[in-house]
Amino acid sequence: MPMPDKLGKYTRWSSLRTADPADFIEVDQYIANASKELCGLINTAWQAMLDVSQPILDSPRYVDLLPARAVAVPAAIDIVLTSNTQGVRSNVERVIVQKL
């Protein structure tokens, strides 16, 4: 495939007849390069967030910026096992209604 900076040279199929092989890259190599670049950008952004996280957490006004905390309610889940495929939905609905 044409390299991104050379793509404008190949707007028509006929231009490929006189194409310079140096203008092209294998798709798997392009994907590997793009993935490596993307990972680098993500790591840079993540590190920037980590660098400012501690000063924000240590800020005396941080607690004032948070919304009021509600009482924590523990999460619960029931798993219903049955071989009756007709009754699965009604069993699950009954358990959900009982929890509410």
PDB file of N, CA and C in Angstrom:
ATOM      1  N   MET A   1       0.847  -1.166   0.000  1.00  0.00           N
ATOM      2  CA  MET A   1       0.000   0.000   0.000  1.00  0.00           C
ATOM      3  C   MET A   1       0.893   1.229   0.000  1.00  0.00           C
ATOM      4  N   PRO A   2       0.413   2.320  -0.561  1.00  0.00           N
ATOM      5  CA  PRO A   2       1.237   3.535  -0.552  1.00  0.00           C
ATOM      6  C   PRO A   2       1.407   4.052   0.873  1.00  0.00           C
ATOM      7  N   MET A   3       2.583   4.561   1.169  1.00  0.00           N
ATOM      8  CA  MET A   3       2.811   5.165   2.476  1.00  0.00           C
ATOM      9  C   MET A   3       1.957   6.428   2.577  1.00  0.00           C
ATOM     10  N   PRO A   4       1.527   6.784   3.777  1.00  0.00           N
ATOM     11  CA  PRO A   4       0.613   7.920   3.935  1.00  0.00           C
ATOM     12  C   PRO A   4       1.117   9.209   3.280  1.00  0.00           C
ATOM     13  N   ASP A   5       2.400   9.478   3.379  1.00  0.00           N
ATOM     14  CA  ASP A   5       2.921  10.716   2.795  1.00  0.00           C
ATOM     15  C   ASP A   5       3.031  10.653   1.270  1.00  0.00           C
ATOM     16  N   LYS A   6       2.878   9.490   0.680  1.00  0.00           N
ATOM     17  CA  LYS A   6       2.953   9.311  -0.779  1.00  0.00           C
ATOM     18  C   LYS A   6       1.584   9.050  -1.404  1.00  0.00           C
ATOM     19  N   LEU A   7       0.555   8.963  -0.605  1.00  0.00           N
ATOM     20  CA  LEU A   7      -0.776   8.595  -1.079  1.00  0.00           C
ATOM     21  C   LEU A   7      -1.303   9.544  -2.151  1.00  0.00           C
ATOM     22  N   GLY A   8      -1.013  10.814  -2.045  1.00  0.00           N
ATOM     23  CA  GLY A   8      -1.486  11.801  -3.003  1.00  0.00           C
ATOM     24  C   GLY A   8      -0.957  11.575  -4.411  1.00  0.00           C
ATOM     25  N   LYS A   9       0.171  10.877  -4.542  1.00  0.00           N
ATOM     26  CA  LYS A   9       0.747  10.600  -5.869  1.00  0.00           C
ATOM     27  C   LYS A   9      -0.047   9.543  -6.626  1.00  0.00           C
ATOM     28  N   TYR A  10      -0.871   8.769  -5.917  1.00  0.00           N
ATOM     29  CA  TYR A  10      -1.539   7.614  -6.525  1.00  0.00           C
ATOM     30  C   TYR A  10      -3.057   7.725  -6.413  1.00  0.00           C
ATOM     31  N   THR A  11      -3.590   8.831  -6.911  1.00  0.00           N
ATOM     32  CA  THR A  11      -5.043   9.030  -6.863  1.00  0.00           C
ATOM     33  C   THR A  11      -5.760   8.262  -7.969  1.00  0.00           C
ATOM     34  N   ARG A  12      -5.029   7.860  -8.995  1.00  0.00           N
ATOM     35  CA  ARG A  12      -5.613   7.083 -10.092  1.00  0.00           C
ATOM     36  C   ARG A  12      -4.887   5.744 -10.214  1.00  0.00           C
ATOM     37  N   TRP A  13      -5.642   4.720 -10.589  1.00  0.00           N
ATOM     38  CA  TRP A  13      -5.046   3.396 -10.758  1.00  0.00           C
ATOM     39  C   TRP A  13      -3.937   3.417 -11.800  1.00  0.00           C
ATOM     40  N   SER A  14      -4.101   4.207 -12.823  1.00  0.00           N
ATOM     41  CA  SER A  14      -3.101   4.233 -13.908  1.00  0.00           C
ATOM     42  C   SER A  14      -1.743   4.734 -13.420  1.00  0.00           C
ATOM     43  N   SER A  15      -1.719   5.519 -12.356  1.00  0.00           N
ATOM     44  CA  SER A  15      -0.439   6.023 -11.848  1.00  0.00           C
ATOM     45  C   SER A  15       0.398   4.911 -11.213  1.00  0.00           C
ATOM     46  N   LEU A  16      -0.222   3.779 -10.934  1.00  0.00           N
ATOM     47  CA  LEU A  16       0.524   2.664 -10.346  1.00  0.00           C
ATOM     48  C   LEU A  16       1.456   1.993 -11.350  1.00  0.00           C
ATOM     49  N   ARG A  17       1.212   2.208 -12.654  1.00  0.00           N
ATOM     50  CA  ARG A  17       2.076   1.590 -13.670  1.00  0.00           C
ATOM     51  C   ARG A  17       3.500   2.105 -13.584  1.00  0.00           C
ATOM     52  N   THR A  18       3.661   3.361 -13.202  1.00  0.00           N
ATOM     53  CA  THR A  18       5.000   3.956 -13.125  1.00  0.00           C
ATOM     54  C   THR A  18       5.388   4.238 -11.670  1.00  0.00           C
ATOM     55  N   ALA A  19       4.810   3.489 -10.752  1.00  0.00           N
ATOM     56  CA  ALA A  19       5.020   3.743  -9.326  1.00  0.00           C
ATOM     57  C   ALA A  19       6.433   3.399  -8.890  1.00  0.00           C
ATOM     58  N   ASP A  20       6.928   4.179  -7.951  1.00  0.00           N
ATOM     59  CA  ASP A  20       8.227   3.929  -7.332  1.00  0.00           C
ATOM     60  C   ASP A  20       8.013   2.950  -6.176  1.00  0.00           C
ATOM     61  N   PRO A  21       8.654   1.787  -6.198  1.00  0.00           N
ATOM     62  CA  PRO A  21       8.465   0.803  -5.113  1.00  0.00           C
ATOM     63  C   PRO A  21       8.797   1.358  -3.726  1.00  0.00           C
ATOM     64  N   ALA A  22       9.642   2.386  -3.669  1.00  0.00           N
ATOM     65  CA  ALA A  22      10.004   2.975  -2.375  1.00  0.00           C
ATOM     66  C   ALA A  22       8.835   3.735  -1.753  1.00  0.00           C
ATOM     67  N   ASP A  23       7.784   4.012  -2.551  1.00  0.00           N
ATOM     68  CA  ASP A  23       6.614   4.725  -2.041  1.00  0.00           C
ATOM     69  C   ASP A  23       5.628   3.801  -1.335  1.00  0.00           C
ATOM     70  N   PHE A  24       5.919   2.515  -1.295  1.00  0.00           N
ATOM     71  CA  PHE A  24       4.978   1.541  -0.767  1.00  0.00           C
ATOM     72  C   PHE A  24       5.534   0.832   0.455  1.00  0.00           C
ATOM     73  N   ILE A  25       4.604   0.324   1.254  1.00  0.00           N
ATOM     74  CA  ILE A  25       4.960  -0.429   2.448  1.00  0.00           C
ATOM     75  C   ILE A  25       3.991  -1.605   2.545  1.00  0.00           C
ATOM     76  N   GLU A  26       4.453  -2.710   3.087  1.00  0.00           N
ATOM     77  CA  GLU A  26       3.569  -3.868   3.268  1.00  0.00           C
ATOM     78  C   GLU A  26       2.549  -3.538   4.358  1.00  0.00           C
ATOM     79  N   VAL A  27       1.347  -4.038   4.163  1.00  0.00           N
ATOM     80  CA  VAL A  27       0.245  -3.715   5.078  1.00  0.00           C
ATOM     81  C   VAL A  27       0.567  -4.139   6.506  1.00  0.00           C
ATOM     82  N   ASP A  28       1.109  -5.344   6.690  1.00  0.00           N
ATOM     83  CA  ASP A  28       1.403  -5.800   8.060  1.00  0.00           C
ATOM     84  C   ASP A  28       2.463  -4.928   8.717  1.00  0.00           C
ATOM     85  N   GLN A  29       3.413  -4.441   7.927  1.00  0.00           N
ATOM     86  CA  GLN A  29       4.447  -3.552   8.481  1.00  0.00           C
ATOM     87  C   GLN A  29       3.833  -2.195   8.846  1.00  0.00           C
ATOM     88  N   TYR A  30       2.943  -1.701   7.992  1.00  0.00           N
ATOM     89  CA  TYR A  30       2.273  -0.436   8.284  1.00  0.00           C
ATOM     90  C   TYR A  30       1.449  -0.541   9.566  1.00  0.00           C
ATOM     91  N   ILE A  31       0.709  -1.640   9.712  1.00  0.00           N
ATOM     92  CA  ILE A  31      -0.115  -1.839  10.914  1.00  0.00           C
ATOM     93  C   ILE A  31       0.762  -1.932  12.157  1.00  0.00           C
ATOM     94  N   ALA A  32       1.884  -2.637  12.042  1.00  0.00           N
ATOM     95  CA  ALA A  32       2.795  -2.750  13.189  1.00  0.00           C
ATOM     96  C   ALA A  32       3.347  -1.376  13.577  1.00  0.00           C
ATOM     97  N   ASN A  33       3.746  -0.588  12.577  1.00  0.00           N
ATOM     98  CA  ASN A  33       4.276   0.759  12.864  1.00  0.00           C
ATOM     99  C   ASN A  33       3.210   1.656  13.476  1.00  0.00           C
ATOM    100  N   ALA A  34       1.988   1.611  12.917  1.00  0.00           N
ATOM    101  CA  ALA A  34       0.902   2.445  13.429  1.00  0.00           C
ATOM    102  C   ALA A  34       0.533   2.034  14.851  1.00  0.00           C
ATOM    103  N   SER A  35       0.517   0.742  15.127  1.00  0.00           N
ATOM    104  CA  SER A  35       0.197   0.253  16.471  1.00  0.00           C
ATOM    105  C   SER A  35       1.250   0.699  17.478  1.00  0.00           C
ATOM    106  N   LYS A  36       2.508   0.625  17.068  1.00  0.00           N
ATOM    107  CA  LYS A  36       3.598   1.049  17.951  1.00  0.00           C
ATOM    108  C   LYS A  36       3.490   2.548  18.253  1.00  0.00           C
ATOM    109  N   GLU A  37       3.187   3.331  17.233  1.00  0.00           N
ATOM    110  CA  GLU A  37       3.040   4.773  17.433  1.00  0.00           C
ATOM    111  C   GLU A  37       1.844   5.081  18.331  1.00  0.00           C
ATOM    112  N   LEU A  38       0.724   4.391  18.102  1.00  0.00           N
ATOM    113  CA  LEU A  38      -0.468   4.595  18.920  1.00  0.00           C
ATOM    114  C   LEU A  38      -0.202   4.243  20.382  1.00  0.00           C
ATOM    115  N   CYS A  39       0.473   3.127  20.617  1.00  0.00           N
ATOM    116  CA  CYS A  39       0.799   2.729  21.992  1.00  0.00           C
ATOM    117  C   CYS A  39       1.681   3.780  22.665  1.00  0.00           C
ATOM    118  N   GLY A  40       2.612   4.329  21.917  1.00  0.00           N
ATOM    119  CA  GLY A  40       3.473   5.380  22.463  1.00  0.00           C
ATOM    120  C   GLY A  40       2.676   6.609  22.853  1.00  0.00           C
ATOM    121  N   LEU A  41       1.723   7.008  22.004  1.00  0.00           N
ATOM    122  CA  LEU A  41       0.890   8.167  22.308  1.00  0.00           C
ATOM    123  C   LEU A  41      -0.002   7.914  23.523  1.00  0.00           C
ATOM    124  N   ILE A  42      -0.552   6.704  23.602  1.00  0.00           N
ATOM    125  CA  ILE A  42      -1.394   6.356  24.759  1.00  0.00           C
ATOM    126  C   ILE A  42      -0.564   6.354  26.036  1.00  0.00           C
ATOM    127  N   ASN A  43       0.640   5.800  25.977  1.00  0.00           N
ATOM    128  CA  ASN A  43       1.507   5.781  27.160  1.00  0.00           C
ATOM    129  C   ASN A  43       1.886   7.188  27.593  1.00  0.00           C
ATOM    130  N   THR A  44       2.137   8.064  26.636  1.00  0.00           N
ATOM    131  CA  THR A  44       2.477   9.451  26.960  1.00  0.00           C
ATOM    132  C   THR A  44       1.303  10.142  27.650  1.00  0.00           C
ATOM    133  N   ALA A  45       0.097   9.951  27.116  1.00  0.00           N
ATOM    134  CA  ALA A  45      -1.094  10.554  27.725  1.00  0.00           C
ATOM    135  C   ALA A  45      -1.340   9.984  29.122  1.00  0.00           C
ATOM    136  N   TRP A  46      -1.168   8.678  29.272  1.00  0.00           N
ATOM    137  CA  TRP A  46      -1.369   8.032  30.572  1.00  0.00           C
ATOM    138  C   TRP A  46      -0.365   8.563  31.593  1.00  0.00           C
ATOM    139  N   GLN A  47       0.872   8.700  31.179  1.00  0.00           N
ATOM    140  CA  GLN A  47       1.893   9.207  32.092  1.00  0.00           C
ATOM    141  C   GLN A  47       1.593  10.647  32.498  1.00  0.00           C
ATOM    142  N   ALA A  48       1.101  11.441  31.555  1.00  0.00           N
ATOM    143  CA  ALA A  48       0.742  12.830  31.876  1.00  0.00           C
ATOM    144  C   ALA A  48      -0.364  12.857  32.926  1.00  0.00           C
ATOM    145  N   MET A  49      -1.354  11.954  32.806  1.00  0.00           N
ATOM    146  CA  MET A  49      -2.429  11.888  33.804  1.00  0.00           C
ATOM    147  C   MET A  49      -1.892  11.438  35.158  1.00  0.00           C
ATOM    148  N   LEU A  50      -0.993  10.468  35.144  1.00  0.00           N
ATOM    149  CA  LEU A  50      -0.411  10.006  36.404  1.00  0.00           C
ATOM    150  C   LEU A  50       0.397  11.110  37.078  1.00  0.00           C
ATOM    151  N   ASP A  51       1.113  11.894  36.276  1.00  0.00           N
ATOM    152  CA  ASP A  51       1.945  12.959  36.832  1.00  0.00           C
ATOM    153  C   ASP A  51       1.130  14.022  37.550  1.00  0.00           C
ATOM    154  N   VAL A  52      -0.088  14.290  37.083  1.00  0.00           N
ATOM    155  CA  VAL A  52      -0.901  15.322  37.735  1.00  0.00           C
ATOM    156  C   VAL A  52      -1.872  14.749  38.758  1.00  0.00           C
ATOM    157  N   SER A  53      -2.009  13.436  38.821  1.00  0.00           N
ATOM    158  CA  SER A  53      -2.971  12.832  39.749  1.00  0.00           C
ATOM    159  C   SER A  53      -2.618  13.098  41.206  1.00  0.00           C
ATOM    160  N   GLN A  54      -1.393  12.865  41.595  1.00  0.00           N
ATOM    161  CA  GLN A  54      -1.026  13.021  42.997  1.00  0.00           C
ATOM    162  C   GLN A  54      -1.155  14.458  43.480  1.00  0.00           C
ATOM    163  N   PRO A  55      -0.681  15.446  42.716  1.00  0.00           N
ATOM    164  CA  PRO A  55      -0.898  16.826  43.181  1.00  0.00           C
ATOM    165  C   PRO A  55      -2.384  17.174  43.334  1.00  0.00           C
ATOM    166  N   ILE A  56      -3.223  16.643  42.467  1.00  0.00           N
ATOM    167  CA  ILE A  56      -4.663  16.906  42.584  1.00  0.00           C
ATOM    168  C   ILE A  56      -5.212  16.243  43.838  1.00  0.00           C
ATOM    169  N   LEU A  57      -4.833  14.977  44.070  1.00  0.00           N
ATOM    170  CA  LEU A  57      -5.320  14.263  45.253  1.00  0.00           C
ATOM    171  C   LEU A  57      -4.838  14.918  46.543  1.00  0.00           C
ATOM    172  N   ASP A  58      -3.643  15.496  46.518  1.00  0.00           N
ATOM    173  CA  ASP A  58      -3.077  16.137  47.706  1.00  0.00           C
ATOM    174  C   ASP A  58      -3.609  17.551  47.923  1.00  0.00           C
ATOM    175  N   SER A  59      -4.308  18.090  46.955  1.00  0.00           N
ATOM    176  CA  SER A  59      -4.819  19.453  47.058  1.00  0.00           C
ATOM    177  C   SER A  59      -5.849  19.555  48.177  1.00  0.00           C
ATOM    178  N   PRO A  60      -5.757  20.600  49.008  1.00  0.00           N
ATOM    179  CA  PRO A  60      -6.740  20.744  50.097  1.00  0.00           C
ATOM    180  C   PRO A  60      -8.170  20.962  49.588  1.00  0.00           C
ATOM    181  N   ARG A  61      -8.346  21.468  48.380  1.00  0.00           N
ATOM    182  CA  ARG A  61      -9.681  21.716  47.842  1.00  0.00           C
ATOM    183  C   ARG A  61     -10.253  20.501  47.137  1.00  0.00           C
ATOM    184  N   TYR A  62      -9.481  19.444  47.001  1.00  0.00           N
ATOM    185  CA  TYR A  62      -9.948  18.267  46.265  1.00  0.00           C
ATOM    186  C   TYR A  62     -11.224  17.700  46.872  1.00  0.00           C
ATOM    187  N   VAL A  63     -11.263  17.562  48.177  1.00  0.00           N
ATOM    188  CA  VAL A  63     -12.433  16.998  48.852  1.00  0.00           C
ATOM    189  C   VAL A  63     -13.642  17.906  48.641  1.00  0.00           C
ATOM    190  N   ASP A  64     -13.432  19.227  48.587  1.00  0.00           N
ATOM    191  CA  ASP A  64     -14.537  20.161  48.377  1.00  0.00           C
ATOM    192  C   ASP A  64     -15.140  20.027  46.980  1.00  0.00           C
ATOM    193  N   LEU A  65     -14.357  19.560  46.028  1.00  0.00           N
ATOM    194  CA  LEU A  65     -14.826  19.445  44.651  1.00  0.00           C
ATOM    195  C   LEU A  65     -15.640  18.174  44.416  1.00  0.00           C
ATOM    196  N   LEU A  66     -15.514  17.215  45.299  1.00  0.00           N
ATOM    197  CA  LEU A  66     -16.223  15.954  45.127  1.00  0.00           C
ATOM    198  C   LEU A  66     -17.687  16.102  45.513  1.00  0.00           C
ATOM    199  N   PRO A  67     -18.571  15.375  44.830  1.00  0.00           N
ATOM    200  CA  PRO A  67     -19.975  15.412  45.247  1.00  0.00           C
ATOM    201  C   PRO A  67     -20.134  14.704  46.588  1.00  0.00           C
ATOM    202  N   ALA A  68     -21.217  15.015  47.281  1.00  0.00           N
ATOM    203  CA  ALA A  68     -21.485  14.358  48.559  1.00  0.00           C
ATOM    204  C   ALA A  68     -21.580  12.860  48.331  1.00  0.00           C
ATOM    205  N   ARG A  69     -20.990  12.116  49.211  1.00  0.00           N
ATOM    206  CA  ARG A  69     -20.967  10.661  49.048  1.00  0.00           C
ATOM    207  C   ARG A  69     -22.240  10.044  49.607  1.00  0.00           C
ATOM    208  N   ALA A  70     -22.814   9.157  48.834  1.00  0.00           N
ATOM    209  CA  ALA A  70     -23.994   8.425  49.277  1.00  0.00           C
ATOM    210  C   ALA A  70     -23.542   7.220  50.097  1.00  0.00           C
ATOM    211  N   VAL A  71     -24.460   6.646  50.829  1.00  0.00           N
ATOM    212  CA  VAL A  71     -24.152   5.449  51.595  1.00  0.00           C
ATOM    213  C   VAL A  71     -23.885   4.310  50.622  1.00  0.00           C
ATOM    214  N   ALA A  72     -22.787   3.640  50.824  1.00  0.00           N
ATOM    215  CA  ALA A  72     -22.426   2.538  49.935  1.00  0.00           C
ATOM    216  C   ALA A  72     -23.370   1.362  50.144  1.00  0.00           C
ATOM    217  N   VAL A  73     -23.859   0.812  49.051  1.00  0.00           N
ATOM    218  CA  VAL A  73     -24.733  -0.351  49.103  1.00  0.00           C
ATOM    219  C   VAL A  73     -23.995  -1.506  48.440  1.00  0.00           C
ATOM    220  N   PRO A  74     -23.779  -2.591  49.176  1.00  0.00           N
ATOM    221  CA  PRO A  74     -23.046  -3.702  48.581  1.00  0.00           C
ATOM    222  C   PRO A  74     -23.808  -4.291  47.401  1.00  0.00           C
ATOM    223  N   ALA A  75     -23.087  -4.638  46.386  1.00  0.00           N
ATOM    224  CA  ALA A  75     -23.690  -5.251  45.197  1.00  0.00           C
ATOM    225  C   ALA A  75     -23.898  -6.733  45.449  1.00  0.00           C
ATOM    226  N   ALA A  76     -24.962  -7.254  44.873  1.00  0.00           N
ATOM    227  CA  ALA A  76     -25.243  -8.680  45.027  1.00  0.00           C
ATOM    228  C   ALA A  76     -25.741  -9.218  43.703  1.00  0.00           C
ATOM    229  N   ILE A  77     -25.457 -10.484  43.467  1.00  0.00           N
ATOM    230  CA  ILE A  77     -25.935 -11.143  42.260  1.00  0.00           C
ATOM    231  C   ILE A  77     -26.285 -12.579  42.615  1.00  0.00           C
ATOM    232  N   ASP A  78     -27.369 -13.033  42.061  1.00  0.00           N
ATOM    233  CA  ASP A  78     -27.760 -14.426  42.222  1.00  0.00           C
ATOM    234  C   ASP A  78     -27.635 -15.101  40.868  1.00  0.00           C
ATOM    235  N   ILE A  79     -27.105 -16.291  40.876  1.00  0.00           N
ATOM    236  CA  ILE A  79     -26.979 -17.064  39.642  1.00  0.00           C
ATOM    237  C   ILE A  79     -27.979 -18.196  39.716  1.00  0.00           C
ATOM    238  N   VAL A  80     -28.822 -18.279  38.706  1.00  0.00           N
ATOM    239  CA  VAL A  80     -29.850 -19.299  38.660  1.00  0.00           C
ATOM    240  C   VAL A  80     -29.424 -20.355  37.652  1.00  0.00           C
ATOM    241  N   LEU A  81     -29.247 -21.572  38.127  1.00  0.00           N
ATOM    242  CA  LEU A  81     -28.883 -22.677  37.241  1.00  0.00           C
ATOM    243  C   LEU A  81     -30.079 -23.589  37.064  1.00  0.00           C
ATOM    244  N   THR A  82     -30.408 -23.847  35.837  1.00  0.00           N
ATOM    245  CA  THR A  82     -31.520 -24.744  35.555  1.00  0.00           C
ATOM    246  C   THR A  82     -31.319 -25.366  34.187  1.00  0.00           C
ATOM    247  N   SER A  83     -31.852 -26.553  34.020  1.00  0.00           N
ATOM    248  CA  SER A  83     -31.805 -27.197  32.707  1.00  0.00           C
ATOM    249  C   SER A  83     -33.080 -26.918  31.931  1.00  0.00           C
ATOM    250  N   ASN A  84     -34.028 -26.274  32.579  1.00  0.00           N
ATOM    251  CA  ASN A  84     -35.305 -25.957  31.951  1.00  0.00           C
ATOM    252  C   ASN A  84     -35.171 -24.622  31.230  1.00  0.00           C
ATOM    253  N   THR A  85     -34.996 -24.665  29.908  1.00  0.00           N
ATOM    254  CA  THR A  85     -34.808 -23.422  29.163  1.00  0.00           C
ATOM    255  C   THR A  85     -36.065 -22.569  29.140  1.00  0.00           C
ATOM    256  N   GLN A  86     -37.239 -23.184  29.326  1.00  0.00           N
ATOM    257  CA  GLN A  86     -38.485 -22.414  29.355  1.00  0.00           C
ATOM    258  C   GLN A  86     -38.602 -21.617  30.652  1.00  0.00           C
ATOM    259  N   GLY A  87     -38.028 -22.141  31.728  1.00  0.00           N
ATOM    260  CA  GLY A  87     -38.193 -21.500  33.024  1.00  0.00           C
ATOM    261  C   GLY A  87     -37.074 -20.551  33.396  1.00  0.00           C
ATOM    262  N   VAL A  88     -36.031 -20.450  32.585  1.00  0.00           N
ATOM    263  CA  VAL A  88     -34.887 -19.612  32.942  1.00  0.00           C
ATOM    264  C   VAL A  88     -35.302 -18.166  33.108  1.00  0.00           C
ATOM    265  N   ARG A  89     -36.040 -17.638  32.156  1.00  0.00           N
ATOM    266  CA  ARG A  89     -36.416 -16.232  32.212  1.00  0.00           C
ATOM    267  C   ARG A  89     -37.286 -15.941  33.429  1.00  0.00           C
ATOM    268  N   SER A  90     -38.269 -16.781  33.684  1.00  0.00           N
ATOM    269  CA  SER A  90     -39.157 -16.518  34.814  1.00  0.00           C
ATOM    270  C   SER A  90     -38.404 -16.660  36.137  1.00  0.00           C
ATOM    271  N   ASN A  91     -37.470 -17.612  36.234  1.00  0.00           N
ATOM    272  CA  ASN A  91     -36.681 -17.756  37.461  1.00  0.00           C
ATOM    273  C   ASN A  91     -35.822 -16.520  37.692  1.00  0.00           C
ATOM    274  N   VAL A  92     -35.181 -16.031  36.641  1.00  0.00           N
ATOM    275  CA  VAL A  92     -34.329 -14.849  36.773  1.00  0.00           C
ATOM    276  C   VAL A  92     -35.173 -13.641  37.140  1.00  0.00           C
ATOM    277  N   GLU A  93     -36.327 -13.470  36.494  1.00  0.00           N
ATOM    278  CA  GLU A  93     -37.205 -12.350  36.816  1.00  0.00           C
ATOM    279  C   GLU A  93     -37.669 -12.421  38.263  1.00  0.00           C
ATOM    280  N   ARG A  94     -37.987 -13.616  38.748  1.00  0.00           N
ATOM    281  CA  ARG A  94     -38.458 -13.774  40.127  1.00  0.00           C
ATOM    282  C   ARG A  94     -37.344 -13.381  41.103  1.00  0.00           C
ATOM    283  N   VAL A  95     -36.116 -13.778  40.821  1.00  0.00           N
ATOM    284  CA  VAL A  95     -34.987 -13.428  41.696  1.00  0.00           C
ATOM    285  C   VAL A  95     -34.764 -11.926  41.686  1.00  0.00           C
ATOM    286  N   ILE A  96     -34.844 -11.301  40.507  1.00  0.00           N
ATOM    287  CA  ILE A  96     -34.641  -9.859  40.432  1.00  0.00           C
ATOM    288  C   ILE A  96     -35.723  -9.124  41.197  1.00  0.00           C
ATOM    289  N   VAL A  97     -36.966  -9.539  41.047  1.00  0.00           N
ATOM    290  CA  VAL A  97     -38.071  -8.898  41.767  1.00  0.00           C
ATOM    291  C   VAL A  97     -37.896  -9.069  43.265  1.00  0.00           C
ATOM    292  N   GLN A  98     -37.464 -10.247  43.722  1.00  0.00           N
ATOM    293  CA  GLN A  98     -37.263 -10.477  45.156  1.00  0.00           C
ATOM    294  C   GLN A  98     -36.168  -9.567  45.695  1.00  0.00           C
ATOM    295  N   LYS A  99     -35.108  -9.305  44.904  1.00  0.00           N
ATOM    296  CA  LYS A  99     -34.011  -8.453  45.364  1.00  0.00           C
ATOM    297  C   LYS A  99     -34.448  -6.999  45.472  1.00  0.00           C
ATOM    298  N   LEU A 100     -35.332  -6.566  44.556  1.00  0.00           N
ATOM    299  CA  LEU A 100     -35.782  -5.172  44.574  1.00  0.00           C
ATOM    300  C   LEU A 100     -36.699  -4.948  45.743  1.00  0.00           C
TER     301      LEU A 100
END
